[in-house]
């Protein structure tokens, strides 16, 4: 990021999120290198990791400025439209349909003993929903849908531990499940439970909290992220 730059305008529906990523000298910005601001926090507030949430119809300009030189910045024009009635929400809080359903199904799975691959797991305690983990999960789901890729590694090179740390979650243990193509919480959780590694994350008694991300777009149509953590 050099000089003053304005990015292509972004259009969101109320309830959607968008993760903006900035590179500095060809490398992904590190925590603390940028100061994120918005001209209209009631329409499009932004976190200090660059995650924008569409709160109400209207427009706003999101700016990422160098913390060491605020005259060097990039601006992201954002237009927020009314929520479409034909599409499910791009991201939901724990009280919303998709994230709440994934949490409920995951905890129902944890309540029963099961075998993941060749490893047997006893029934274990329910996960608690965590908004910082949700921020990391939703940011990655939105990024995959927007940039049309499917990987635990972001296209800017960040890994899930870096994304979770950047969201402000102080952890001792973390894990991540991703999926693409499933159109419902039921189908995505069922798919994870048939995969040894994903199932093991769901059943791991050492993991205590969960955040869920969901986004539409890309070649798969639907992108899902579960970020697990223990503090």
C-alpha atoms as a PDB file:
ATOM      1  CA  UNK A   1       0.000   0.000   0.000  1.00  0.00           C
ATOM      2  CA  UNK A   2       1.532   3.263  -1.130  1.00  0.00           C
ATOM      3  CA  UNK A   3       0.058   6.710  -1.604  1.00  0.00           C
ATOM      4  CA  UNK A   4      -3.686   7.307  -1.719  1.00  0.00           C
ATOM      5  CA  UNK A   5      -5.843   4.679  -3.375  1.00  0.00           C
ATOM      6  CA  UNK A   6      -9.556   4.078  -3.795  1.00  0.00           C
ATOM      7  CA  UNK A   7     -10.662   0.481  -4.342  1.00  0.00           C
ATOM      8  CA  UNK A   8     -13.563  -0.681  -6.493  1.00  0.00           C
ATOM      9  CA  UNK A   9     -16.896  -0.047  -4.711  1.00  0.00           C
ATOM     10  CA  UNK A  10     -18.332  -2.982  -2.772  1.00  0.00           C
ATOM     11  CA  UNK A  11     -22.065  -3.670  -2.584  1.00  0.00           C
ATOM     12  CA  UNK A  12     -23.444  -5.639   0.368  1.00  0.00           C
ATOM     13  CA  UNK A  13     -26.880  -6.557   1.656  1.00  0.00           C
ATOM     14  CA  UNK A  14     -27.850  -5.860   5.262  1.00  0.00           C
ATOM     15  CA  UNK A  15     -26.451  -8.639   7.420  1.00  0.00           C
ATOM     16  CA  UNK A  16     -23.580  -9.506   5.117  1.00  0.00           C
ATOM     17  CA  UNK A  17     -19.901  -9.109   5.996  1.00  0.00           C
ATOM     18  CA  UNK A  18     -16.822  -8.498   3.909  1.00  0.00           C
ATOM     19  CA  UNK A  19     -13.192  -9.032   4.859  1.00  0.00           C
ATOM     20  CA  UNK A  20     -10.912  -6.408   3.326  1.00  0.00           C
ATOM     21  CA  UNK A  21      -7.255  -7.393   3.021  1.00  0.00           C
ATOM     22  CA  UNK A  22      -4.349  -5.007   2.469  1.00  0.00           C
ATOM     23  CA  UNK A  23      -0.758  -5.748   1.535  1.00  0.00           C
ATOM     24  CA  UNK A  24       2.164  -3.574   2.590  1.00  0.00           C
ATOM     25  CA  UNK A  25       5.297  -3.800   0.456  1.00  0.00           C
ATOM     26  CA  UNK A  26       3.936  -6.975  -1.088  1.00  0.00           C
ATOM     27  CA  UNK A  27       3.205  -8.723   2.221  1.00  0.00           C
ATOM     28  CA  UNK A  28      -0.063  -9.098   4.185  1.00  0.00           C
ATOM     29  CA  UNK A  29      -0.537  -6.378   6.781  1.00  0.00           C
ATOM     30  CA  UNK A  30       0.349  -7.512  10.282  1.00  0.00           C
ATOM     31  CA  UNK A  31      -1.703  -6.760  13.411  1.00  0.00           C
ATOM     32  CA  UNK A  32      -1.222  -3.143  14.426  1.00  0.00           C
ATOM     33  CA  UNK A  33       0.177  -1.946  11.082  1.00  0.00           C
ATOM     34  CA  UNK A  34      -3.135  -0.464   9.942  1.00  0.00           C
ATOM     35  CA  UNK A  35      -5.745   1.817  11.463  1.00  0.00           C
ATOM     36  CA  UNK A  36      -9.213   0.991  10.136  1.00  0.00           C
ATOM     37  CA  UNK A  37     -11.953   3.641  10.176  1.00  0.00           C
ATOM     38  CA  UNK A  38     -15.375   4.140   8.611  1.00  0.00           C
ATOM     39  CA  UNK A  39     -17.271   7.277   7.693  1.00  0.00           C
ATOM     40  CA  UNK A  40     -20.590   5.770   8.751  1.00  0.00           C
ATOM     41  CA  UNK A  41     -20.486   3.307  11.617  1.00  0.00           C
ATOM     42  CA  UNK A  42     -24.263   2.911  11.655  1.00  0.00           C
ATOM     43  CA  UNK A  43     -24.195   1.597   8.081  1.00  0.00           C
ATOM     44  CA  UNK A  44     -20.857  -0.241   7.796  1.00  0.00           C
ATOM     45  CA  UNK A  45     -18.749  -0.534  10.955  1.00  0.00           C
ATOM     46  CA  UNK A  46     -15.283  -2.034  10.595  1.00  0.00           C
ATOM     47  CA  UNK A  47     -13.046  -3.932  13.010  1.00  0.00           C
ATOM     48  CA  UNK A  48      -9.319  -3.361  13.362  1.00  0.00           C
ATOM     49  CA  UNK A  49      -8.788  -6.527  11.298  1.00  0.00           C
ATOM     50  CA  UNK A  50     -10.686  -5.109   8.296  1.00  0.00           C
ATOM     51  CA  UNK A  51     -13.960  -7.015   8.712  1.00  0.00           C
ATOM     52  CA  UNK A  52     -16.925  -4.871   7.629  1.00  0.00           C
ATOM     53  CA  UNK A  53     -20.497  -5.673   8.667  1.00  0.00           C
ATOM     54  CA  UNK A  54     -23.456  -4.257   6.730  1.00  0.00           C
ATOM     55  CA  UNK A  55     -25.776  -2.931   9.430  1.00  0.00           C
ATOM     56  CA  UNK A  56     -28.227  -0.666   7.573  1.00  0.00           C
ATOM     57  CA  UNK A  57     -28.943   0.636   4.097  1.00  0.00           C
ATOM     58  CA  UNK A  58     -26.788   3.532   2.960  1.00  0.00           C
ATOM     59  CA  UNK A  59     -23.183   4.180   2.026  1.00  0.00           C
ATOM     60  CA  UNK A  60     -19.876   4.490   3.828  1.00  0.00           C
ATOM     61  CA  UNK A  61     -16.194   4.696   3.066  1.00  0.00           C
ATOM     62  CA  UNK A  62     -13.904   2.351   4.919  1.00  0.00           C
ATOM     63  CA  UNK A  63     -10.279   3.448   5.195  1.00  0.00           C
ATOM     64  CA  UNK A  64      -7.151   1.474   6.032  1.00  0.00           C
ATOM     65  CA  UNK A  65      -4.314   3.852   6.900  1.00  0.00           C
ATOM     66  CA  UNK A  66      -0.768   3.057   7.905  1.00  0.00           C
ATOM     67  CA  UNK A  67      -0.526   3.417  11.673  1.00  0.00           C
ATOM     68  CA  UNK A  68       2.914   4.955  11.210  1.00  0.00           C
ATOM     69  CA  UNK A  69       1.783   7.374   8.480  1.00  0.00           C
ATOM     70  CA  UNK A  70      -1.952   8.018   8.320  1.00  0.00           C
ATOM     71  CA  UNK A  71      -1.539  10.060   5.120  1.00  0.00           C
ATOM     72  CA  UNK A  72      -0.882   6.757   3.317  1.00  0.00           C
ATOM     73  CA  UNK A  73      -4.154   4.891   3.017  1.00  0.00           C
ATOM     74  CA  UNK A  74      -6.552   2.941   0.823  1.00  0.00           C
ATOM     75  CA  UNK A  75     -10.289   3.549   0.826  1.00  0.00           C
ATOM     76  CA  UNK A  76     -13.052   1.022   0.200  1.00  0.00           C
ATOM     77  CA  UNK A  77     -16.406   2.550  -0.832  1.00  0.00           C
ATOM     78  CA  UNK A  78     -19.263   0.419   0.536  1.00  0.00           C
ATOM     79  CA  UNK A  79     -22.918   0.524  -0.501  1.00  0.00           C
ATOM     80  CA  UNK A  80     -25.391  -1.398   1.666  1.00  0.00           C
ATOM     81  CA  UNK A  81     -28.700  -2.499   0.167  1.00  0.00           C
ATOM     82  CA  UNK A  82     -31.773  -4.012   1.783  1.00  0.00           C
ATOM     83  CA  UNK A  83     -31.516  -7.718   2.533  1.00  0.00           C
ATOM     84  CA  UNK A  84     -32.700  -9.929  -0.299  1.00  0.00           C
ATOM     85  CA  UNK A  85     -35.680 -12.061   0.638  1.00  0.00           C
ATOM     86  CA  UNK A  86     -34.609 -14.823  -1.776  1.00  0.00           C
ATOM     87  CA  UNK A  87     -31.231 -15.636  -0.225  1.00  0.00           C
ATOM     88  CA  UNK A  88     -30.249 -16.886   3.217  1.00  0.00           C
ATOM     89  CA  UNK A  89     -28.064 -14.518   5.234  1.00  0.00           C
ATOM     90  CA  UNK A  90     -24.381 -14.434   4.327  1.00  0.00           C
ATOM     91  CA  UNK A  91     -23.399 -14.487   7.968  1.00  0.00           C
ATOM     92  CA  UNK A  92     -25.388 -15.025  11.122  1.00  0.00           C
ATOM     93  CA  UNK A  93     -24.810 -14.380  14.783  1.00  0.00           C
ATOM     94  CA  UNK A  94     -25.396 -17.259  17.184  1.00  0.00           C
ATOM     95  CA  UNK A  95     -29.039 -16.263  17.427  1.00  0.00           C
ATOM     96  CA  UNK A  96     -29.387 -16.398  13.637  1.00  0.00           C
ATOM     97  CA  UNK A  97     -30.527 -19.382  11.626  1.00  0.00           C
ATOM     98  CA  UNK A  98     -27.368 -20.819  10.077  1.00  0.00           C
ATOM     99  CA  UNK A  99     -24.760 -20.326  12.794  1.00  0.00           C
ATOM    100  CA  UNK A 100     -27.155 -21.344  15.550  1.00  0.00           C
ATOM    101  CA  UNK A 101     -28.135 -24.488  13.661  1.00  0.00           C
ATOM    102  CA  UNK A 102     -24.498 -25.464  13.043  1.00  0.00           C
ATOM    103  CA  UNK A 103     -23.754 -24.905  16.730  1.00  0.00           C
ATOM    104  CA  UNK A 104     -26.770 -26.991  17.777  1.00  0.00           C
ATOM    105  CA  UNK A 105     -25.911 -29.844  15.408  1.00  0.00           C
ATOM    106  CA  UNK A 106     -22.275 -29.810  16.483  1.00  0.00           C
ATOM    107  CA  UNK A 107     -23.215 -29.969  20.152  1.00  0.00           C
ATOM    108  CA  UNK A 108     -25.708 -32.752  19.435  1.00  0.00           C
ATOM    109  CA  UNK A 109     -22.879 -34.705  17.823  1.00  0.00           C
ATOM    110  CA  UNK A 110     -20.605 -34.094  20.803  1.00  0.00           C
ATOM    111  CA  UNK A 111     -23.306 -35.392  23.139  1.00  0.00           C
ATOM    112  CA  UNK A 112     -22.946 -38.893  21.667  1.00  0.00           C
ATOM    113  CA  UNK A 113     -19.947 -41.223  21.635  1.00  0.00           C
ATOM    114  CA  UNK A 114     -18.683 -41.865  18.110  1.00  0.00           C
ATOM    115  CA  UNK A 115     -15.720 -43.100  16.108  1.00  0.00           C
ATOM    116  CA  UNK A 116     -13.866 -40.688  13.838  1.00  0.00           C
ATOM    117  CA  UNK A 117     -11.854 -42.765  11.399  1.00  0.00           C
ATOM    118  CA  UNK A 118     -10.116 -45.279  13.684  1.00  0.00           C
ATOM    119  CA  UNK A 119     -10.292 -43.176  16.858  1.00  0.00           C
ATOM    120  CA  UNK A 120     -13.131 -43.532  19.356  1.00  0.00           C
ATOM    121  CA  UNK A 121     -14.395 -40.507  21.254  1.00  0.00           C
ATOM    122  CA  UNK A 122     -16.592 -40.445  24.312  1.00  0.00           C
ATOM    123  CA  UNK A 123     -19.499 -38.037  24.575  1.00  0.00           C
ATOM    124  CA  UNK A 124     -18.279 -34.642  25.724  1.00  0.00           C
ATOM    125  CA  UNK A 125     -19.450 -31.215  26.827  1.00  0.00           C
ATOM    126  CA  UNK A 126     -21.173 -28.671  24.598  1.00  0.00           C
ATOM    127  CA  UNK A 127     -19.259 -25.895  22.885  1.00  0.00           C
ATOM    128  CA  UNK A 128     -19.922 -22.270  23.827  1.00  0.00           C
ATOM    129  CA  UNK A 129     -20.358 -19.751  21.003  1.00  0.00           C
ATOM    130  CA  UNK A 130     -17.615 -17.104  20.768  1.00  0.00           C
ATOM    131  CA  UNK A 131     -17.913 -13.912  18.731  1.00  0.00           C
ATOM    132  CA  UNK A 132     -14.156 -13.504  18.143  1.00  0.00           C
ATOM    133  CA  UNK A 133     -14.021 -17.004  16.654  1.00  0.00           C
ATOM    134  CA  UNK A 134     -17.114 -16.108  14.612  1.00  0.00           C
ATOM    135  CA  UNK A 135     -15.302 -13.042  13.279  1.00  0.00           C
ATOM    136  CA  UNK A 136     -12.365 -15.156  12.122  1.00  0.00           C
ATOM    137  CA  UNK A 137     -14.627 -17.838  10.650  1.00  0.00           C
ATOM    138  CA  UNK A 138     -16.949 -15.401   8.881  1.00  0.00           C
ATOM    139  CA  UNK A 139     -14.042 -13.413   7.474  1.00  0.00           C
ATOM    140  CA  UNK A 140     -12.532 -16.535   5.938  1.00  0.00           C
ATOM    141  CA  UNK A 141     -15.851 -17.836   4.572  1.00  0.00           C
ATOM    142  CA  UNK A 142     -16.540 -14.481   2.944  1.00  0.00           C
ATOM    143  CA  UNK A 143     -13.002 -14.290   1.554  1.00  0.00           C
ATOM    144  CA  UNK A 144     -13.248 -17.757  -0.028  1.00  0.00           C
ATOM    145  CA  UNK A 145     -16.630 -16.971  -1.582  1.00  0.00           C
ATOM    146  CA  UNK A 146     -15.513 -13.577  -2.853  1.00  0.00           C
ATOM    147  CA  UNK A 147     -12.161 -14.721  -4.247  1.00  0.00           C
ATOM    148  CA  UNK A 148     -13.431 -18.112  -5.425  1.00  0.00           C
ATOM    149  CA  UNK A 149     -11.002 -20.488  -3.711  1.00  0.00           C
ATOM    150  CA  UNK A 150     -11.174 -23.237  -1.095  1.00  0.00           C
ATOM    151  CA  UNK A 151      -8.313 -23.621   1.359  1.00  0.00           C
ATOM    152  CA  UNK A 152      -7.376 -23.256   5.017  1.00  0.00           C
ATOM    153  CA  UNK A 153      -4.734 -20.776   3.816  1.00  0.00           C
ATOM    154  CA  UNK A 154      -6.007 -17.361   2.722  1.00  0.00           C
ATOM    155  CA  UNK A 155      -4.828 -16.068  -0.629  1.00  0.00           C
ATOM    156  CA  UNK A 156      -2.780 -13.463   1.226  1.00  0.00           C
ATOM    157  CA  UNK A 157      -0.901 -16.323   2.908  1.00  0.00           C
ATOM    158  CA  UNK A 158      -2.552 -16.199   6.343  1.00  0.00           C
ATOM    159  CA  UNK A 159      -3.243 -19.453   8.168  1.00  0.00           C
ATOM    160  CA  UNK A 160      -6.193 -20.092  10.448  1.00  0.00           C
ATOM    161  CA  UNK A 161      -4.138 -19.479  13.591  1.00  0.00           C
ATOM    162  CA  UNK A 162      -3.128 -16.059  12.256  1.00  0.00           C
ATOM    163  CA  UNK A 163      -6.724 -15.183  11.387  1.00  0.00           C
ATOM    164  CA  UNK A 164      -7.980 -16.259  14.816  1.00  0.00           C
ATOM    165  CA  UNK A 165      -5.231 -14.310  16.584  1.00  0.00           C
ATOM    166  CA  UNK A 166      -5.968 -11.229  14.465  1.00  0.00           C
ATOM    167  CA  UNK A 167      -9.618 -11.430  15.524  1.00  0.00           C
ATOM    168  CA  UNK A 168      -8.506 -10.895  19.125  1.00  0.00           C
ATOM    169  CA  UNK A 169      -8.935 -14.442  20.407  1.00  0.00           C
ATOM    170  CA  UNK A 170      -6.208 -15.376  22.916  1.00  0.00           C
ATOM    171  CA  UNK A 171      -5.935 -19.128  22.636  1.00  0.00           C
ATOM    172  CA  UNK A 172      -4.158 -22.159  23.996  1.00  0.00           C
ATOM    173  CA  UNK A 173      -5.651 -24.589  21.463  1.00  0.00           C
ATOM    174  CA  UNK A 174      -7.474 -24.045  18.161  1.00  0.00           C
ATOM    175  CA  UNK A 175      -8.734 -25.989  15.150  1.00  0.00           C
ATOM    176  CA  UNK A 176     -10.613 -25.230  11.943  1.00  0.00           C
ATOM    177  CA  UNK A 177     -13.086 -27.080   9.722  1.00  0.00           C
ATOM    178  CA  UNK A 178     -14.008 -25.786   6.271  1.00  0.00           C
ATOM    179  CA  UNK A 179     -16.467 -27.074   3.684  1.00  0.00           C
ATOM    180  CA  UNK A 180     -17.902 -25.950   0.358  1.00  0.00           C
ATOM    181  CA  UNK A 181     -20.943 -26.830  -1.695  1.00  0.00           C
ATOM    182  CA  UNK A 182     -23.391 -27.904   1.021  1.00  0.00           C
ATOM    183  CA  UNK A 183     -26.520 -25.769   1.064  1.00  0.00           C
ATOM    184  CA  UNK A 184     -27.761 -26.459   4.614  1.00  0.00           C
ATOM    185  CA  UNK A 185     -26.313 -26.699   8.128  1.00  0.00           C
ATOM    186  CA  UNK A 186     -27.547 -30.295   8.308  1.00  0.00           C
ATOM    187  CA  UNK A 187     -25.648 -31.374   5.203  1.00  0.00           C
ATOM    188  CA  UNK A 188     -22.423 -29.606   6.126  1.00  0.00           C
ATOM    189  CA  UNK A 189     -22.266 -30.999   9.672  1.00  0.00           C
ATOM    190  CA  UNK A 190     -23.124 -34.480   8.385  1.00  0.00           C
ATOM    191  CA  UNK A 191     -20.284 -34.194   5.884  1.00  0.00           C
ATOM    192  CA  UNK A 192     -17.805 -33.133   8.537  1.00  0.00           C
ATOM    193  CA  UNK A 193     -18.811 -36.075  10.715  1.00  0.00           C
ATOM    194  CA  UNK A 194     -17.993 -38.543   7.917  1.00  0.00           C
ATOM    195  CA  UNK A 195     -14.449 -37.133   7.587  1.00  0.00           C
ATOM    196  CA  UNK A 196     -12.011 -38.429  10.223  1.00  0.00           C
ATOM    197  CA  UNK A 197     -10.125 -35.174  10.718  1.00  0.00           C
ATOM    198  CA  UNK A 198     -13.159 -32.903  10.738  1.00  0.00           C
ATOM    199  CA  UNK A 199     -15.025 -35.305  13.018  1.00  0.00           C
ATOM    200  CA  UNK A 200     -12.071 -35.366  15.410  1.00  0.00           C
ATOM    201  CA  UNK A 201     -12.184 -31.573  15.717  1.00  0.00           C
ATOM    202  CA  UNK A 202     -15.912 -31.693  16.485  1.00  0.00           C
ATOM    203  CA  UNK A 203     -15.471 -34.392  19.127  1.00  0.00           C
ATOM    204  CA  UNK A 204     -12.259 -33.087  20.714  1.00  0.00           C
ATOM    205  CA  UNK A 205     -13.029 -32.530  24.425  1.00  0.00           C
ATOM    206  CA  UNK A 206     -10.081 -30.128  24.709  1.00  0.00           C
ATOM    207  CA  UNK A 207     -11.863 -27.634  22.436  1.00  0.00           C
ATOM    208  CA  UNK A 208     -14.396 -25.503  24.340  1.00  0.00           C
ATOM    209  CA  UNK A 209     -15.658 -22.691  22.071  1.00  0.00           C
ATOM    210  CA  UNK A 210     -16.902 -22.287  18.498  1.00  0.00           C
ATOM    211  CA  UNK A 211     -17.451 -19.610  15.889  1.00  0.00           C
ATOM    212  CA  UNK A 212     -19.262 -20.253  12.594  1.00  0.00           C
ATOM    213  CA  UNK A 213     -18.912 -18.546   9.218  1.00  0.00           C
ATOM    214  CA  UNK A 214     -21.098 -18.943   6.126  1.00  0.00           C
ATOM    215  CA  UNK A 215     -21.014 -17.152   2.766  1.00  0.00           C
ATOM    216  CA  UNK A 216     -22.504 -17.523  -0.696  1.00  0.00           C
ATOM    217  CA  UNK A 217     -20.576 -17.117  -3.933  1.00  0.00           C
ATOM    218  CA  UNK A 218     -17.720 -18.613  -5.893  1.00  0.00           C
ATOM    219  CA  UNK A 219     -17.844 -21.796  -7.932  1.00  0.00           C
ATOM    220  CA  UNK A 220     -19.086 -23.909  -5.011  1.00  0.00           C
ATOM    221  CA  UNK A 221     -21.995 -21.604  -4.175  1.00  0.00           C
ATOM    222  CA  UNK A 222     -21.755 -22.099  -0.390  1.00  0.00           C
ATOM    223  CA  UNK A 223     -18.722 -21.827   1.917  1.00  0.00           C
ATOM    224  CA  UNK A 224     -18.619 -22.874   5.578  1.00  0.00           C
ATOM    225  CA  UNK A 225     -16.061 -22.397   8.353  1.00  0.00           C
ATOM    226  CA  UNK A 226     -15.960 -23.675  11.931  1.00  0.00           C
ATOM    227  CA  UNK A 227     -13.262 -22.137  14.140  1.00  0.00           C
ATOM    228  CA  UNK A 228     -12.786 -23.967  17.457  1.00  0.00           C
ATOM    229  CA  UNK A 229     -10.783 -22.663  20.390  1.00  0.00           C
ATOM    230  CA  UNK A 230      -9.840 -22.939  24.014  1.00  0.00           C
ATOM    231  CA  UNK A 231      -8.552 -19.997  26.033  1.00  0.00           C
END
